[in-house]
Amino acid sequence: MLKPSNPKDAVGVKKAPLSTVSAPFILAIGNAMLEGALKYGRHNYRAVGVKSSVYYDALLRHMMAWWEGQDIDPESGESHLIKAAACLAVLFDSLHRGNLNDDRPPKVKDGWVEEFNKRAASLIEKYPDPKLPYTERDETWAR
């Protein structure tokens, strides 16, 4: 049985759906951005802009630390994942506002990712029965 709908529903469902972003993520990114505000001044990146390379490097450092097993950034006490998300938020905001100092290297030709993906697919086809990965949770290899 269909319920009658509020007329605002027809308008509201066509707007950016903030309900699709998890509340814990919103709160965590708020804390990560608060740390930056306290250290550097709230919205400093909006006032003066940022260099792409600085935030790209920080993003990769946080992701590599997390990937290598360090969940929490020892400097901030925040998750490396949320610190990486904060880097992306600053980059996106600066790009959106037009104050991003885009110091990326010259562009590569289109299609380069697809070329690497084809190579990966070729390797996967070549080895149809791969060995299982060694993971943090797999202790059979540690015996």
C-alpha atoms as a PDB file:
ATOM      1  CA  MET A   1       0.000   0.000   0.000  1.00  0.00           C
ATOM      2  CA  LEU A   2       1.372   3.410  -0.957  1.00  0.00           C
ATOM      3  CA  LYS A   3       1.288   6.198   1.583  1.00  0.00           C
ATOM      4  CA  PRO A   4       0.308   9.687   0.518  1.00  0.00           C
ATOM      5  CA  SER A   5       3.370  11.865   0.063  1.00  0.00           C
ATOM      6  CA  ASN A   6       4.087  15.358   1.258  1.00  0.00           C
ATOM      7  CA  PRO A   7       4.266  17.723  -1.767  1.00  0.00           C
ATOM      8  CA  LYS A   8       7.743  18.806  -0.656  1.00  0.00           C
ATOM      9  CA  ASP A   9       8.965  15.237  -1.276  1.00  0.00           C
ATOM     10  CA  ALA A  10       8.849  15.726  -5.050  1.00  0.00           C
ATOM     11  CA  VAL A  11      11.188  18.722  -4.702  1.00  0.00           C
ATOM     12  CA  GLY A  12      13.352  17.424  -1.856  1.00  0.00           C
ATOM     13  CA  VAL A  13      14.276  14.126  -3.503  1.00  0.00           C
ATOM     14  CA  LYS A  14      15.902  16.041  -6.373  1.00  0.00           C
ATOM     15  CA  LYS A  15      18.395  17.865  -4.141  1.00  0.00           C
ATOM     16  CA  ALA A  16      21.845  16.755  -2.984  1.00  0.00           C
ATOM     17  CA  PRO A  17      21.121  13.809  -0.660  1.00  0.00           C
ATOM     18  CA  LEU A  18      23.002  14.528   2.535  1.00  0.00           C
ATOM     19  CA  SER A  19      21.317  11.509   4.121  1.00  0.00           C
ATOM     20  CA  THR A  20      23.570   9.262   2.025  1.00  0.00           C
ATOM     21  CA  VAL A  21      26.638  10.306   4.043  1.00  0.00           C
ATOM     22  CA  SER A  22      27.061   8.473   7.343  1.00  0.00           C
ATOM     23  CA  ALA A  23      26.685  10.594  10.474  1.00  0.00           C
ATOM     24  CA  PRO A  24      29.841   9.128  12.088  1.00  0.00           C
ATOM     25  CA  PHE A  25      31.819  10.177   8.992  1.00  0.00           C
ATOM     26  CA  ILE A  26      30.428  13.719   9.138  1.00  0.00           C
ATOM     27  CA  LEU A  27      31.334  14.009  12.817  1.00  0.00           C
ATOM     28  CA  ALA A  28      34.794  12.495  12.307  1.00  0.00           C
ATOM     29  CA  ILE A  29      35.603  14.813   9.397  1.00  0.00           C
ATOM     30  CA  GLY A  30      34.404  17.693  11.559  1.00  0.00           C
ATOM     31  CA  ASN A  31      36.927  16.718  14.239  1.00  0.00           C
ATOM     32  CA  ALA A  32      39.721  16.357  11.688  1.00  0.00           C
ATOM     33  CA  MET A  33      38.907  19.768  10.247  1.00  0.00           C
ATOM     34  CA  LEU A  34      38.715  21.194  13.805  1.00  0.00           C
ATOM     35  CA  GLU A  35      42.276  20.047  14.423  1.00  0.00           C
ATOM     36  CA  GLY A  36      43.390  21.905  11.296  1.00  0.00           C
ATOM     37  CA  ALA A  37      41.405  24.971  12.338  1.00  0.00           C
ATOM     38  CA  LEU A  38      43.065  25.018  15.740  1.00  0.00           C
ATOM     39  CA  LYS A  39      46.562  24.506  14.296  1.00  0.00           C
ATOM     40  CA  TYR A  40      46.390  26.779  11.239  1.00  0.00           C
ATOM     41  CA  GLY A  41      43.298  28.978  11.601  1.00  0.00           C
ATOM     42  CA  ARG A  42      39.761  28.113  10.647  1.00  0.00           C
ATOM     43  CA  HIS A  43      39.221  28.143   6.875  1.00  0.00           C
ATOM     44  CA  ASN A  44      42.829  29.209   6.229  1.00  0.00           C
ATOM     45  CA  TYR A  45      42.803  27.144   3.034  1.00  0.00           C
ATOM     46  CA  ARG A  46      39.860  29.175   1.766  1.00  0.00           C
ATOM     47  CA  ALA A  47      41.526  32.482   2.499  1.00  0.00           C
ATOM     48  CA  VAL A  48      44.933  31.774   0.984  1.00  0.00           C
ATOM     49  CA  GLY A  49      44.466  28.644  -1.116  1.00  0.00           C
ATOM     50  CA  VAL A  50      46.601  25.521  -1.080  1.00  0.00           C
ATOM     51  CA  LYS A  51      49.193  23.757  -3.214  1.00  0.00           C
ATOM     52  CA  SER A  52      47.936  20.531  -4.751  1.00  0.00           C
ATOM     53  CA  SER A  53      51.190  18.726  -4.019  1.00  0.00           C
ATOM     54  CA  VAL A  54      51.110  19.455  -0.278  1.00  0.00           C
ATOM     55  CA  TYR A  55      47.682  17.881   0.216  1.00  0.00           C
ATOM     56  CA  TYR A  56      48.314  15.072  -2.258  1.00  0.00           C
ATOM     57  CA  ASP A  57      51.462  14.146  -0.339  1.00  0.00           C
ATOM     58  CA  ALA A  58      49.641  14.294   3.010  1.00  0.00           C
ATOM     59  CA  LEU A  59      46.776  12.219   1.605  1.00  0.00           C
ATOM     60  CA  LEU A  60      49.171   9.513   0.420  1.00  0.00           C
ATOM     61  CA  ARG A  61      51.132   9.517   3.703  1.00  0.00           C
ATOM     62  CA  HIS A  62      47.913   8.953   5.674  1.00  0.00           C
ATOM     63  CA  MET A  63      46.738   6.244   3.291  1.00  0.00           C
ATOM     64  CA  MET A  64      50.096   4.466   3.305  1.00  0.00           C
ATOM     65  CA  ALA A  65      50.278   4.580   7.112  1.00  0.00           C
ATOM     66  CA  TRP A  66      46.779   3.119   7.305  1.00  0.00           C
ATOM     67  CA  TRP A  67      47.533   0.496   4.637  1.00  0.00           C
ATOM     68  CA  GLU A  68      50.638  -0.590   6.520  1.00  0.00           C
ATOM     69  CA  GLY A  69      48.636  -1.175   9.703  1.00  0.00           C
ATOM     70  CA  GLN A  70      48.695   2.113  11.612  1.00  0.00           C
ATOM     71  CA  ASP A  71      45.028   2.974  12.073  1.00  0.00           C
ATOM     72  CA  ILE A  72      45.469   6.089  14.201  1.00  0.00           C
ATOM     73  CA  ASP A  73      47.650   9.099  13.379  1.00  0.00           C
ATOM     74  CA  PRO A  74      49.960   9.416  16.404  1.00  0.00           C
ATOM     75  CA  GLU A  75      50.167  13.211  16.060  1.00  0.00           C
ATOM     76  CA  SER A  76      46.429  13.909  16.079  1.00  0.00           C
ATOM     77  CA  GLY A  77      44.901  10.778  17.602  1.00  0.00           C
ATOM     78  CA  GLU A  78      42.474  10.713  14.657  1.00  0.00           C
ATOM     79  CA  SER A  79      41.993   7.915  12.138  1.00  0.00           C
ATOM     80  CA  HIS A  80      44.408   8.048   9.213  1.00  0.00           C
ATOM     81  CA  LEU A  81      41.388   7.432   6.982  1.00  0.00           C
ATOM     82  CA  ILE A  82      39.592  10.524   8.232  1.00  0.00           C
ATOM     83  CA  LYS A  83      42.801  12.586   7.993  1.00  0.00           C
ATOM     84  CA  ALA A  84      43.049  11.482   4.343  1.00  0.00           C
ATOM     85  CA  ALA A  85      39.415  12.489   3.846  1.00  0.00           C
ATOM     86  CA  ALA A  86      40.202  15.911   5.317  1.00  0.00           C
ATOM     87  CA  CYS A  87      42.984  16.309   2.742  1.00  0.00           C
ATOM     88  CA  LEU A  88      40.481  15.535  -0.014  1.00  0.00           C
ATOM     89  CA  ALA A  89      37.968  17.967   1.500  1.00  0.00           C
ATOM     90  CA  VAL A  90      40.511  20.795   1.444  1.00  0.00           C
ATOM     91  CA  LEU A  91      41.610  19.970  -2.107  1.00  0.00           C
ATOM     92  CA  PHE A  92      38.030  19.805  -3.350  1.00  0.00           C
ATOM     93  CA  ASP A  93      37.014  22.995  -1.566  1.00  0.00           C
ATOM     94  CA  SER A  94      40.010  24.876  -2.959  1.00  0.00           C
ATOM     95  CA  LEU A  95      39.345  23.584  -6.465  1.00  0.00           C
ATOM     96  CA  HIS A  96      35.661  24.496  -6.154  1.00  0.00           C
ATOM     97  CA  ARG A  97      36.509  28.009  -4.926  1.00  0.00           C
ATOM     98  CA  GLY A  98      39.135  28.543  -7.590  1.00  0.00           C
ATOM     99  CA  ASN A  99      42.056  29.120  -5.221  1.00  0.00           C
ATOM    100  CA  LEU A 100      43.889  25.841  -5.752  1.00  0.00           C
ATOM    101  CA  ASN A 101      47.542  26.323  -6.667  1.00  0.00           C
ATOM    102  CA  ASP A 102      47.577  23.452  -9.131  1.00  0.00           C
ATOM    103  CA  ASP A 103      51.201  22.337  -9.144  1.00  0.00           C
ATOM    104  CA  ARG A 104      50.522  18.873 -10.534  1.00  0.00           C
ATOM    105  CA  PRO A 105      52.941  17.646 -13.193  1.00  0.00           C
ATOM    106  CA  PRO A 106      52.060  17.868 -16.883  1.00  0.00           C
ATOM    107  CA  LYS A 107      49.148  15.602 -17.783  1.00  0.00           C
ATOM    108  CA  VAL A 108      49.702  12.135 -19.174  1.00  0.00           C
ATOM    109  CA  LYS A 109      47.785  10.911 -22.197  1.00  0.00           C
ATOM    110  CA  ASP A 110      44.238   9.710 -21.669  1.00  0.00           C
ATOM    111  CA  GLY A 111      43.785   5.963 -21.300  1.00  0.00           C
ATOM    112  CA  TRP A 112      46.874   5.236 -19.221  1.00  0.00           C
ATOM    113  CA  VAL A 113      44.842   3.751 -16.350  1.00  0.00           C
ATOM    114  CA  GLU A 114      43.027   1.437 -18.747  1.00  0.00           C
ATOM    115  CA  GLU A 115      46.395   0.263 -20.107  1.00  0.00           C
ATOM    116  CA  PHE A 116      47.504  -0.757 -16.618  1.00  0.00           C
ATOM    117  CA  ASN A 117      44.135  -2.393 -15.957  1.00  0.00           C
ATOM    118  CA  LYS A 118      44.501  -4.479 -19.126  1.00  0.00           C
ATOM    119  CA  ARG A 119      47.941  -5.592 -17.984  1.00  0.00           C
ATOM    120  CA  ALA A 120      46.536  -6.582 -14.589  1.00  0.00           C
ATOM    121  CA  ALA A 121      43.706  -8.522 -16.261  1.00  0.00           C
ATOM    122  CA  SER A 122      46.279 -10.299 -18.432  1.00  0.00           C
ATOM    123  CA  LEU A 123      48.262 -11.338 -15.369  1.00  0.00           C
ATOM    124  CA  ILE A 124      45.111 -12.565 -13.621  1.00  0.00           C
ATOM    125  CA  GLU A 125      44.221 -14.666 -16.659  1.00  0.00           C
ATOM    126  CA  LYS A 126      47.762 -16.063 -16.783  1.00  0.00           C
ATOM    127  CA  TYR A 127      47.519 -17.205 -13.159  1.00  0.00           C
ATOM    128  CA  PRO A 128      43.935 -18.484 -12.726  1.00  0.00           C
ATOM    129  CA  ASP A 129      44.678 -20.184  -9.388  1.00  0.00           C
ATOM    130  CA  PRO A 130      46.569 -17.548  -7.410  1.00  0.00           C
ATOM    131  CA  LYS A 131      47.996 -18.232  -3.987  1.00  0.00           C
ATOM    132  CA  LEU A 132      45.993 -16.754  -1.132  1.00  0.00           C
ATOM    133  CA  PRO A 133      47.294 -13.452   0.241  1.00  0.00           C
ATOM    134  CA  TYR A 134      48.969 -13.188   3.610  1.00  0.00           C
ATOM    135  CA  THR A 135      46.944 -10.849   5.783  1.00  0.00           C
ATOM    136  CA  GLU A 136      47.060  -9.480   9.304  1.00  0.00           C
ATOM    137  CA  ARG A 137      44.218 -11.800  10.289  1.00  0.00           C
ATOM    138  CA  ASP A 138      45.725 -14.903   8.738  1.00  0.00           C
ATOM    139  CA  GLU A 139      48.001 -16.543  11.288  1.00  0.00           C
ATOM    140  CA  THR A 140      48.591 -19.803   9.433  1.00  0.00           C
ATOM    141  CA  TRP A 141      51.770 -18.384   7.841  1.00  0.00           C
ATOM    142  CA  ALA A 142      53.171 -17.332  11.221  1.00  0.00           C
ATOM    143  CA  ARG A 143      53.413 -20.876  12.605  1.00  0.00           C
END
